PDB file of N, CA and C in Angstrom:
ATOM      1  N   UNK A   1      59.438 137.177 137.806  1.00  0.00           N
ATOM      2  CA  UNK A   1      60.428 136.196 136.885  1.00  0.00           C
ATOM      3  C   UNK A   1      59.836 136.272 135.524  1.00  0.00           C
ATOM      4  N   UNK A   2      58.620 136.554 135.315  1.00  0.00           N
ATOM      5  CA  UNK A   2      57.723 136.195 133.427  1.00  0.00           C
ATOM      6  C   UNK A   2      58.752 136.723 132.708  1.00  0.00           C
ATOM      7  N   UNK A   3      59.277 138.074 133.236  1.00  0.00           N
ATOM      8  CA  UNK A   3      59.949 138.874 132.375  1.00  0.00           C
ATOM      9  C   UNK A   3      61.274 138.264 131.880  1.00  0.00           C
ATOM     10  N   UNK A   4      61.937 138.067 133.354  1.00  0.00           N
ATOM     11  CA  UNK A   4      63.252 137.383 132.909  1.00  0.00           C
ATOM     12  C   UNK A   4      63.273 135.999 131.693  1.00  0.00           C
ATOM     13  N   UNK A   5      62.230 135.288 131.632  1.00  0.00           N
ATOM     14  CA  UNK A   5      61.868 134.135 130.572  1.00  0.00           C
ATOM     15  C   UNK A   5      61.635 134.757 129.658  1.00  0.00           C
ATOM     16  N   UNK A   6      60.911 135.423 129.206  1.00  0.00           N
ATOM     17  CA  UNK A   6      60.387 136.284 128.238  1.00  0.00           C
ATOM     18  C   UNK A   6      61.779 136.590 127.341  1.00  0.00           C
ATOM     19  N   UNK A   7      62.549 137.462 128.165  1.00  0.00           N
ATOM     20  CA  UNK A   7      63.765 137.719 127.823  1.00  0.00           C
ATOM     21  C   UNK A   7      64.755 136.658 127.358  1.00  0.00           C
ATOM     22  N   UNK A   8      64.989 136.040 127.931  1.00  0.00           N
ATOM     23  CA  UNK A   8      65.375 134.969 127.984  1.00  0.00           C
ATOM     24  C   UNK A   8      64.904 133.653 126.408  1.00  0.00           C
ATOM     25  N   UNK A   9      63.778 133.882 126.545  1.00  0.00           N
ATOM     26  CA  UNK A   9      63.240 133.469 125.319  1.00  0.00           C
ATOM     27  C   UNK A   9      63.516 134.129 123.595  1.00  0.00           C
ATOM     28  N   UNK A  10      63.488 135.389 123.971  1.00  0.00           N
ATOM     29  CA  UNK A  10      63.683 136.419 122.800  1.00  0.00           C
ATOM     30  C   UNK A  10      65.103 136.003 122.470  1.00  0.00           C
ATOM     31  N   UNK A  11      65.992 136.464 122.945  1.00  0.00           N
ATOM     32  CA  UNK A  11      67.613 136.289 123.016  1.00  0.00           C
ATOM     33  C   UNK A  11      68.000 134.782 122.303  1.00  0.00           C
ATOM     34  N   UNK A  12      67.136 133.447 122.574  1.00  0.00           N
ATOM     35  CA  UNK A  12      67.877 132.339 122.072  1.00  0.00           C
ATOM     36  C   UNK A  12      66.742 132.431 121.451  1.00  0.00           C
ATOM     37  N   UNK A  13      65.842 132.896 120.581  1.00  0.00           N
ATOM     38  CA  UNK A  13      65.218 132.688 119.461  1.00  0.00           C
ATOM     39  C   UNK A  13      66.692 133.688 118.198  1.00  0.00           C
ATOM     40  N   UNK A  14      66.797 134.867 118.778  1.00  0.00           N
ATOM     41  CA  UNK A  14      67.784 135.588 117.774  1.00  0.00           C
ATOM     42  C   UNK A  14      69.105 135.050 118.007  1.00  0.00           C
ATOM     43  N   UNK A  15      69.606 134.116 118.547  1.00  0.00           N
ATOM     44  CA  UNK A  15      70.473 133.275 118.627  1.00  0.00           C
ATOM     45  C   UNK A  15      70.470 131.866 117.658  1.00  0.00           C
ATOM     46  N   UNK A  16      69.190 131.411 117.568  1.00  0.00           N
ATOM     47  CA  UNK A  16      68.776 130.625 116.881  1.00  0.00           C
ATOM     48  C   UNK A  16      68.318 130.847 115.508  1.00  0.00           C
ATOM     49  N   UNK A  17      68.080 132.065 115.157  1.00  0.00           N
ATOM     50  CA  UNK A  17      68.182 132.844 113.490  1.00  0.00           C
ATOM     51  C   UNK A  17      69.905 132.712 113.054  1.00  0.00           C
ATOM     52  N   UNK A  18      70.237 133.413 114.260  1.00  0.00           N
ATOM     53  CA  UNK A  18      71.672 133.837 113.639  1.00  0.00           C
ATOM     54  C   UNK A  18      72.825 132.108 113.318  1.00  0.00           C
ATOM     55  N   UNK A  19      72.527 131.416 113.963  1.00  0.00           N
ATOM     56  CA  UNK A  19      73.510 130.305 113.480  1.00  0.00           C
ATOM     57  C   UNK A  19      72.202 129.603 112.242  1.00  0.00           C
ATOM     58  N   UNK A  20      71.079 129.544 112.705  1.00  0.00           N
ATOM     59  CA  UNK A  20      70.510 129.122 111.063  1.00  0.00           C
ATOM     60  C   UNK A  20      70.881 129.914 109.835  1.00  0.00           C
ATOM     61  N   UNK A  21      70.862 131.080 109.863  1.00  0.00           N
ATOM     62  CA  UNK A  21      71.685 131.883 108.679  1.00  0.00           C
ATOM     63  C   UNK A  21      73.021 131.406 108.467  1.00  0.00           C
ATOM     64  N   UNK A  22      73.893 131.336 109.671  1.00  0.00           N
ATOM     65  CA  UNK A  22      75.262 130.999 109.105  1.00  0.00           C
ATOM     66  C   UNK A  22      74.946 129.505 108.914  1.00  0.00           C
ATOM     67  N   UNK A  23      74.224 128.536 109.079  1.00  0.00           N
ATOM     68  CA  UNK A  23      74.311 127.193 108.484  1.00  0.00           C
ATOM     69  C   UNK A  23      74.369 125.984 108.942  1.00  0.00           C
ATOM     70  N   UNK A  24      74.498 126.686 110.641  1.00  0.00           N
ATOM     71  CA  UNK A  24      74.677 125.762 111.603  1.00  0.00           C
ATOM     72  C   UNK A  24      73.658 125.510 112.264  1.00  0.00           C
ATOM     73  N   UNK A  25      72.582 124.243 111.547  1.00  0.00           N
ATOM     74  CA  UNK A  25      71.429 124.181 111.781  1.00  0.00           C
ATOM     75  C   UNK A  25      71.509 123.224 113.255  1.00  0.00           C
ATOM     76  N   UNK A  26      72.276 122.217 113.692  1.00  0.00           N
ATOM     77  CA  UNK A  26      72.390 121.785 115.317  1.00  0.00           C
ATOM     78  C   UNK A  26      72.479 122.972 116.201  1.00  0.00           C
ATOM     79  N   UNK A  27      73.187 123.804 115.683  1.00  0.00           N
ATOM     80  CA  UNK A  27      73.021 124.767 117.011  1.00  0.00           C
ATOM     81  C   UNK A  27      72.243 125.936 116.817  1.00  0.00           C
ATOM     82  N   UNK A  28      71.499 125.858 115.883  1.00  0.00           N
ATOM     83  CA  UNK A  28      69.904 126.677 115.668  1.00  0.00           C
ATOM     84  C   UNK A  28      69.050 125.748 116.520  1.00  0.00           C
ATOM     85  N   UNK A  29      69.150 124.417 116.007  1.00  0.00           N
ATOM     86  CA  UNK A  29      67.989 123.587 116.932  1.00  0.00           C
ATOM     87  C   UNK A  29      68.429 123.755 118.597  1.00  0.00           C
ATOM     88  N   UNK A  30      69.163 123.855 119.061  1.00  0.00           N
ATOM     89  CA  UNK A  30      69.523 123.736 120.308  1.00  0.00           C
ATOM     90  C   UNK A  30      69.284 125.234 120.824  1.00  0.00           C
ATOM     91  N   UNK A  31      69.657 125.807 120.264  1.00  0.00           N
ATOM     92  CA  UNK A  31      69.022 127.223 120.733  1.00  0.00           C
ATOM     93  C   UNK A  31      67.844 127.806 120.766  1.00  0.00           C
ATOM     94  N   UNK A  32      67.237 126.913 119.694  1.00  0.00           N
ATOM     95  CA  UNK A  32      65.276 127.339 119.369  1.00  0.00           C
ATOM     96  C   UNK A  32      64.842 126.450 120.648  1.00  0.00           C
ATOM     97  N   UNK A  33      65.378 125.520 120.844  1.00  0.00           N
ATOM     98  CA  UNK A  33      64.596 124.262 121.803  1.00  0.00           C
ATOM     99  C   UNK A  33      64.300 125.148 122.988  1.00  0.00           C
ATOM    100  N   UNK A  34      66.094 125.749 123.450  1.00  0.00           N
ATOM    101  CA  UNK A  34      66.130 126.163 124.884  1.00  0.00           C
ATOM    102  C   UNK A  34      65.272 127.601 124.837  1.00  0.00           C
ATOM    103  N   UNK A  35      64.856 128.252 124.221  1.00  0.00           N
ATOM    104  CA  UNK A  35      63.777 129.433 123.749  1.00  0.00           C
ATOM    105  C   UNK A  35      62.309 128.660 124.222  1.00  0.00           C
ATOM    106  N   UNK A  36      62.358 127.965 123.532  1.00  0.00           N
ATOM    107  CA  UNK A  36      60.872 127.228 123.890  1.00  0.00           C
ATOM    108  C   UNK A  36      60.884 126.894 125.176  1.00  0.00           C
ATOM    109  N   UNK A  37      61.859 126.381 125.594  1.00  0.00           N
ATOM    110  CA  UNK A  37      61.603 126.014 127.303  1.00  0.00           C
ATOM    111  C   UNK A  37      61.562 127.318 127.810  1.00  0.00           C
ATOM    112  N   UNK A  38      62.461 128.434 127.733  1.00  0.00           N
ATOM    113  CA  UNK A  38      62.327 129.866 128.446  1.00  0.00           C
ATOM    114  C   UNK A  38      60.479 130.291 128.305  1.00  0.00           C
ATOM    115  N   UNK A  39      60.404 130.311 127.250  1.00  0.00           N
ATOM    116  CA  UNK A  39      58.916 130.462 126.617  1.00  0.00           C
ATOM    117  C   UNK A  39      57.772 129.839 127.638  1.00  0.00           C
ATOM    118  N   UNK A  40      58.019 128.413 127.396  1.00  0.00           N
ATOM    119  CA  UNK A  40      57.177 127.775 128.911  1.00  0.00           C
ATOM    120  C   UNK A  40      57.354 128.257 130.259  1.00  0.00           C
ATOM    121  N   UNK A  41      58.342 128.119 130.536  1.00  0.00           N
ATOM    122  CA  UNK A  41      58.583 129.053 131.866  1.00  0.00           C
ATOM    123  C   UNK A  41      58.012 130.278 132.559  1.00  0.00           C
ATOM    124  N   UNK A  42      57.727 131.128 131.229  1.00  0.00           N
ATOM    125  CA  UNK A  42      57.287 132.437 131.421  1.00  0.00           C
ATOM    126  C   UNK A  42      56.136 132.176 131.577  1.00  0.00           C
ATOM    127  N   UNK A  43      55.337 131.288 130.647  1.00  0.00           N
ATOM    128  CA  UNK A  43      54.060 131.374 130.678  1.00  0.00           C
ATOM    129  C   UNK A  43      53.374 130.643 131.907  1.00  0.00           C
ATOM    130  N   UNK A  44      54.138 129.593 132.506  1.00  0.00           N
ATOM    131  CA  UNK A  44      53.881 128.803 133.599  1.00  0.00           C
ATOM    132  C   UNK A  44      54.463 129.629 134.940  1.00  0.00           C
ATOM    133  N   UNK A  45      55.015 130.646 134.763  1.00  0.00           N
ATOM    134  CA  UNK A  45      54.944 131.682 136.117  1.00  0.00           C
ATOM    135  C   UNK A  45      53.732 132.522 136.020  1.00  0.00           C
ATOM    136  N   UNK A  46      53.504 133.252 134.771  1.00  0.00           N
ATOM    137  CA  UNK A  46      52.347 134.297 134.312  1.00  0.00           C
ATOM    138  C   UNK A  46      51.127 133.422 134.855  1.00  0.00           C
ATOM    139  N   UNK A  47      50.664 131.935 134.684  1.00  0.00           N
ATOM    140  CA  UNK A  47      49.502 131.282 135.634  1.00  0.00           C
ATOM    141  C   UNK A  47      50.035 130.992 136.890  1.00  0.00           C
ATOM    142  N   UNK A  48      50.892 130.947 137.404  1.00  0.00           N
ATOM    143  CA  UNK A  48      51.409 130.718 138.908  1.00  0.00           C
ATOM    144  C   UNK A  48      51.164 132.336 139.437  1.00  0.00           C
ATOM    145  N   UNK A  49      51.194 133.494 138.641  1.00  0.00           N
ATOM    146  CA  UNK A  49      50.777 134.241 139.670  1.00  0.00           C
ATOM    147  C   UNK A  49      49.303 134.520 139.360  1.00  0.00           C
ATOM    148  N   UNK A  50      48.544 134.120 138.407  1.00  0.00           N
ATOM    149  CA  UNK A  50      47.046 134.509 138.159  1.00  0.00           C
ATOM    150  C   UNK A  50      46.311 133.808 139.357  1.00  0.00           C
ATOM    151  N   UNK A  51      46.854 132.425 139.408  1.00  0.00           N
ATOM    152  CA  UNK A  51      46.301 131.574 140.509  1.00  0.00           C
ATOM    153  C   UNK A  51      46.381 132.047 141.769  1.00  0.00           C
ATOM    154  N   UNK A  52      47.299 132.582 142.000  1.00  0.00           N
ATOM    155  CA  UNK A  52      48.058 133.078 143.218  1.00  0.00           C
ATOM    156  C   UNK A  52      46.573 134.571 143.858  1.00  0.00           C
ATOM    157  N   UNK A  53      46.709 135.233 142.450  1.00  0.00           N
ATOM    158  CA  UNK A  53      46.290 136.581 142.754  1.00  0.00           C
ATOM    159  C   UNK A  53      44.683 135.827 143.066  1.00  0.00           C
ATOM    160  N   UNK A  54      44.496 135.148 142.189  1.00  0.00           N
ATOM    161  CA  UNK A  54      43.084 134.513 142.212  1.00  0.00           C
ATOM    162  C   UNK A  54      42.582 134.063 143.617  1.00  0.00           C
ATOM    163  N   UNK A  55      43.494 133.005 144.067  1.00  0.00           N
ATOM    164  CA  UNK A  55      43.342 132.704 145.618  1.00  0.00           C
ATOM    165  C   UNK A  55      42.944 133.899 146.476  1.00  0.00           C
ATOM    166  N   UNK A  56      43.741 134.878 146.602  1.00  0.00           N
ATOM    167  CA  UNK A  56      43.946 135.830 147.639  1.00  0.00           C
ATOM    168  C   UNK A  56      42.506 136.667 147.148  1.00  0.00           C
ATOM    169  N   UNK A  57      41.631 136.427 146.182  1.00  0.00           N
ATOM    170  CA  UNK A  57      41.049 137.743 145.875  1.00  0.00           C
ATOM    171  C   UNK A  57      39.887 136.664 146.509  1.00  0.00           C
ATOM    172  N   UNK A  58      39.829 135.281 146.086  1.00  0.00           N
ATOM    173  CA  UNK A  58      38.802 134.507 146.878  1.00  0.00           C
ATOM    174  C   UNK A  58      39.186 134.656 148.447  1.00  0.00           C
ATOM    175  N   UNK A  59      39.520 134.208 148.943  1.00  0.00           N
ATOM    176  CA  UNK A  59      40.459 135.057 150.326  1.00  0.00           C
ATOM    177  C   UNK A  59      39.646 135.730 151.299  1.00  0.00           C
ATOM    178  N   UNK A  60      39.725 136.926 150.094  1.00  0.00           N
ATOM    179  CA  UNK A  60      39.220 138.572 150.889  1.00  0.00           C
ATOM    180  C   UNK A  60      37.752 138.226 150.986  1.00  0.00           C
ATOM    181  N   UNK A  61      37.486 137.524 149.643  1.00  0.00           N
ATOM    182  CA  UNK A  61      35.725 137.778 149.847  1.00  0.00           C
ATOM    183  C   UNK A  61      35.150 136.868 150.414  1.00  0.00           C
ATOM    184  N   UNK A  62      36.016 135.812 151.122  1.00  0.00           N
ATOM    185  CA  UNK A  62      35.265 135.263 151.946  1.00  0.00           C
ATOM    186  C   UNK A  62      35.558 135.719 152.968  1.00  0.00           C
ATOM    187  N   UNK A  63      36.665 136.640 153.838  1.00  0.00           N
ATOM    188  CA  UNK A  63      36.151 137.060 155.121  1.00  0.00           C
ATOM    189  C   UNK A  63      35.589 138.550 154.861  1.00  0.00           C
ATOM    190  N   UNK A  64      34.923 138.760 153.952  1.00  0.00           N
ATOM    191  CA  UNK A  64      33.900 140.143 154.278  1.00  0.00           C
ATOM    192  C   UNK A  64      32.307 139.207 154.486  1.00  0.00           C
ATOM    193  N   UNK A  65      32.364 138.164 154.040  1.00  0.00           N
ATOM    194  CA  UNK A  65      31.156 137.769 154.565  1.00  0.00           C
ATOM    195  C   UNK A  65      30.870 137.484 156.460  1.00  0.00           C
TER     196      UNK A  65
END
């Protein structure tokens, strides 16, 4: 899921640049904001996966004892 959000953030960034070069700053802002949200969601997915992996590792360590 992280990869999907990163791709969405990159595409939104490119779209924002396109609108900015064309002088349409309102649409550039909206695209950039959506890209920022997508990046935050990708970071959230990354942290969620890391916490899940850490919990599984901790559970495995407890079971070994």
